[in-house]
Amino acid sequence: QVQLVESGGGLVHTGDSLRLSCAVSGALVTSSHMSWFRQAPGKEREFVARMRPGGSGTDYTDSVKGRFTISRDHRENTLYLQMNSLEPGDTAIYYCAVLYWGNQHWGQGTQVTVSS
């Protein structure tokens, strides 16, 4: 059974940084497509960042390029999202996801609120 548990969200000010964590069980972060998504109030869930298996690359949505960095720790089997220079437009619930054997699994989400 695949389970993902996010943590690290909070209330910060414009320009601050946060690091989100996603502890994964039932799948390996190094051999799976791992992603971060977010959903702002009244909006659709949107893609934020992706890390392909085996170190084959990362992708980011344009609005976070240069500010966010996705990474993983194989020893902790954990996915991270380092978020710098946060803006009010980054306010959302952030979800991690893993594509495992053709099925997308989701965490419960962690709230990030950026005040101006």
C-alpha atoms as a PDB file:
ATOM      1  CA  GLN A   1       0.000   0.000   0.000  1.00  0.00           C
ATOM      2  CA  VAL A   2       1.431   3.356  -1.066  1.00  0.00           C
ATOM      3  CA  GLN A   3       1.197   6.158   1.481  1.00  0.00           C
ATOM      4  CA  LEU A   4       2.461   9.727   1.304  1.00  0.00           C
ATOM      5  CA  VAL A   5       2.569  12.144   4.218  1.00  0.00           C
ATOM      6  CA  GLU A   6       3.389  15.807   3.599  1.00  0.00           C
ATOM      7  CA  SER A   7       4.695  18.235   6.189  1.00  0.00           C
ATOM      8  CA  GLY A   8       6.420  21.590   6.416  1.00  0.00           C
ATOM      9  CA  GLY A   9       3.682  23.982   5.413  1.00  0.00           C
ATOM     10  CA  GLY A  10       2.880  27.124   7.343  1.00  0.00           C
ATOM     11  CA  LEU A  11       2.222  30.852   7.341  1.00  0.00           C
ATOM     12  CA  VAL A  12       5.102  32.967   6.037  1.00  0.00           C
ATOM     13  CA  HIS A  13       5.682  36.434   4.587  1.00  0.00           C
ATOM     14  CA  THR A  14       6.580  37.463   1.060  1.00  0.00           C
ATOM     15  CA  GLY A  15      10.197  36.616   0.335  1.00  0.00           C
ATOM     16  CA  ASP A  16      10.455  33.900   2.972  1.00  0.00           C
ATOM     17  CA  SER A  17      11.379  30.264   2.383  1.00  0.00           C
ATOM     18  CA  LEU A  18       9.824  26.926   3.301  1.00  0.00           C
ATOM     19  CA  ARG A  19      10.811  23.328   2.717  1.00  0.00           C
ATOM     20  CA  LEU A  20       8.048  20.810   2.244  1.00  0.00           C
ATOM     21  CA  SER A  21       8.642  17.125   2.917  1.00  0.00           C
ATOM     22  CA  CYS A  22       6.772  14.067   1.680  1.00  0.00           C
ATOM     23  CA  ALA A  23       7.521  10.807   3.464  1.00  0.00           C
ATOM     24  CA  VAL A  24       6.764   7.868   1.189  1.00  0.00           C
ATOM     25  CA  SER A  25       6.041   4.253   2.060  1.00  0.00           C
ATOM     26  CA  GLY A  26       5.147   1.428  -0.314  1.00  0.00           C
ATOM     27  CA  ALA A  27       7.120   2.914  -3.228  1.00  0.00           C
ATOM     28  CA  LEU A  28      10.701   4.062  -3.749  1.00  0.00           C
ATOM     29  CA  VAL A  29      11.276   7.742  -4.464  1.00  0.00           C
ATOM     30  CA  THR A  30      14.316   6.886  -6.593  1.00  0.00           C
ATOM     31  CA  SER A  31      12.462   4.618  -9.008  1.00  0.00           C
ATOM     32  CA  SER A  32       9.132   6.413  -9.294  1.00  0.00           C
ATOM     33  CA  HIS A  33       7.797   9.542 -10.961  1.00  0.00           C
ATOM     34  CA  MET A  34       7.456  11.927  -8.017  1.00  0.00           C
ATOM     35  CA  SER A  35       5.609  15.225  -8.256  1.00  0.00           C
ATOM     36  CA  TRP A  36       4.342  18.223  -6.336  1.00  0.00           C
ATOM     37  CA  PHE A  37       1.001  19.817  -7.134  1.00  0.00           C
ATOM     38  CA  ARG A  38      -0.882  22.655  -5.495  1.00  0.00           C
ATOM     39  CA  GLN A  39      -4.446  23.856  -5.271  1.00  0.00           C
ATOM     40  CA  ALA A  40      -5.317  27.432  -4.453  1.00  0.00           C
ATOM     41  CA  PRO A  41      -8.778  28.394  -3.147  1.00  0.00           C
ATOM     42  CA  GLY A  42     -11.333  28.298  -5.946  1.00  0.00           C
ATOM     43  CA  LYS A  43      -8.840  26.972  -8.489  1.00  0.00           C
ATOM     44  CA  GLU A  44      -8.006  23.667 -10.102  1.00  0.00           C
ATOM     45  CA  ARG A  45      -5.124  21.581  -8.806  1.00  0.00           C
ATOM     46  CA  GLU A  46      -2.017  22.463 -10.814  1.00  0.00           C
ATOM     47  CA  PHE A  47       1.352  20.882 -11.475  1.00  0.00           C
ATOM     48  CA  VAL A  48       4.314  22.464  -9.687  1.00  0.00           C
ATOM     49  CA  ALA A  49       7.358  20.212 -10.081  1.00  0.00           C
ATOM     50  CA  ARG A  50       8.334  16.700 -11.087  1.00  0.00           C
ATOM     51  CA  MET A  51      11.332  14.455 -10.593  1.00  0.00           C
ATOM     52  CA  ARG A  52      11.714  11.539 -12.967  1.00  0.00           C
ATOM     53  CA  PRO A  53      13.050   8.193 -11.752  1.00  0.00           C
ATOM     54  CA  GLY A  54      16.728   7.344 -11.681  1.00  0.00           C
ATOM     55  CA  GLY A  55      17.991  10.916 -11.773  1.00  0.00           C
ATOM     56  CA  SER A  56      16.708  11.482 -15.307  1.00  0.00           C
ATOM     57  CA  GLY A  57      15.669  15.060 -14.764  1.00  0.00           C
ATOM     58  CA  THR A  58      13.267  17.546 -13.260  1.00  0.00           C
ATOM     59  CA  ASP A  59      10.516  19.789 -14.583  1.00  0.00           C
ATOM     60  CA  TYR A  60       8.888  22.889 -13.143  1.00  0.00           C
ATOM     61  CA  THR A  61       5.937  25.033 -13.969  1.00  0.00           C
ATOM     62  CA  ASP A  62       7.078  28.404 -15.280  1.00  0.00           C
ATOM     63  CA  SER A  63       5.862  30.415 -12.287  1.00  0.00           C
ATOM     64  CA  VAL A  64       8.212  28.634  -9.863  1.00  0.00           C
ATOM     65  CA  LYS A  65      11.318  28.196 -12.023  1.00  0.00           C
ATOM     66  CA  GLY A  66      14.360  29.626 -10.283  1.00  0.00           C
ATOM     67  CA  ARG A  67      12.552  29.758  -6.930  1.00  0.00           C
ATOM     68  CA  PHE A  68      11.535  26.150  -6.154  1.00  0.00           C
ATOM     69  CA  THR A  69      13.725  23.048  -6.146  1.00  0.00           C
ATOM     70  CA  ILE A  70      12.488  19.464  -6.020  1.00  0.00           C
ATOM     71  CA  SER A  71      14.777  16.829  -4.532  1.00  0.00           C
ATOM     72  CA  ARG A  72      14.702  13.438  -2.862  1.00  0.00           C
ATOM     73  CA  ASP A  73      16.582  11.477  -0.221  1.00  0.00           C
ATOM     74  CA  HIS A  74      16.787   7.754  -0.951  1.00  0.00           C
ATOM     75  CA  ARG A  75      17.899   6.948   2.612  1.00  0.00           C
ATOM     76  CA  GLU A  76      14.815   8.600   4.096  1.00  0.00           C
ATOM     77  CA  ASN A  77      12.644   7.709   1.059  1.00  0.00           C
ATOM     78  CA  THR A  78      11.405  11.282   1.192  1.00  0.00           C
ATOM     79  CA  LEU A  79      10.601  13.881  -1.456  1.00  0.00           C
ATOM     80  CA  TYR A  80      11.270  17.565  -0.809  1.00  0.00           C
ATOM     81  CA  LEU A  81      10.236  20.906  -2.256  1.00  0.00           C
ATOM     82  CA  GLN A  82      12.463  23.820  -1.319  1.00  0.00           C
ATOM     83  CA  MET A  83      10.519  27.032  -1.880  1.00  0.00           C
ATOM     84  CA  ASN A  84      12.375  30.338  -1.873  1.00  0.00           C
ATOM     85  CA  SER A  85      11.248  33.896  -2.534  1.00  0.00           C
ATOM     86  CA  LEU A  86       7.676  32.974  -1.755  1.00  0.00           C
ATOM     87  CA  GLU A  87       4.900  35.183  -3.102  1.00  0.00           C
ATOM     88  CA  PRO A  88       1.226  35.537  -2.150  1.00  0.00           C
ATOM     89  CA  GLY A  89       0.391  33.741  -5.402  1.00  0.00           C
ATOM     90  CA  ASP A  90       2.066  30.621  -4.002  1.00  0.00           C
ATOM     91  CA  THR A  91      -0.633  30.308  -1.344  1.00  0.00           C
ATOM     92  CA  ALA A  92      -2.235  26.890  -1.753  1.00  0.00           C
ATOM     93  CA  ILE A  93      -2.510  23.393  -0.391  1.00  0.00           C
ATOM     94  CA  TYR A  94       0.523  21.492  -1.638  1.00  0.00           C
ATOM     95  CA  TYR A  95       0.241  17.794  -2.466  1.00  0.00           C
ATOM     96  CA  CYS A  96       2.901  15.272  -3.297  1.00  0.00           C
ATOM     97  CA  ALA A  97       2.114  12.463  -5.699  1.00  0.00           C
ATOM     98  CA  VAL A  98       3.720   9.261  -6.910  1.00  0.00           C
ATOM     99  CA  LEU A  99       2.967   7.408 -10.129  1.00  0.00           C
ATOM    100  CA  TYR A 100       3.311   3.758  -9.163  1.00  0.00           C
ATOM    101  CA  TRP A 101       2.378   0.868 -11.436  1.00  0.00           C
ATOM    102  CA  GLY A 102       0.192   3.174 -13.507  1.00  0.00           C
ATOM    103  CA  ASN A 103      -1.729   4.595 -10.546  1.00  0.00           C
ATOM    104  CA  GLN A 104      -1.342   8.103  -9.132  1.00  0.00           C
ATOM    105  CA  HIS A 105      -1.233   8.187  -5.354  1.00  0.00           C
ATOM    106  CA  TRP A 106      -1.692  11.395  -3.355  1.00  0.00           C
ATOM    107  CA  GLY A 107      -0.857  12.680   0.059  1.00  0.00           C
ATOM    108  CA  GLN A 108      -3.299  14.576   2.246  1.00  0.00           C
ATOM    109  CA  GLY A 109      -1.727  17.963   1.508  1.00  0.00           C
ATOM    110  CA  THR A 110      -0.052  20.671   3.545  1.00  0.00           C
ATOM    111  CA  GLN A 111      -1.192  24.294   3.649  1.00  0.00           C
ATOM    112  CA  VAL A 112       1.168  27.072   2.583  1.00  0.00           C
ATOM    113  CA  THR A 113       0.014  30.635   3.168  1.00  0.00           C
ATOM    114  CA  VAL A 114       2.118  33.593   2.061  1.00  0.00           C
ATOM    115  CA  SER A 115       1.087  36.978   3.406  1.00  0.00           C
ATOM    116  CA  SER A 116       2.060  40.271   1.894  1.00  0.00           C
END
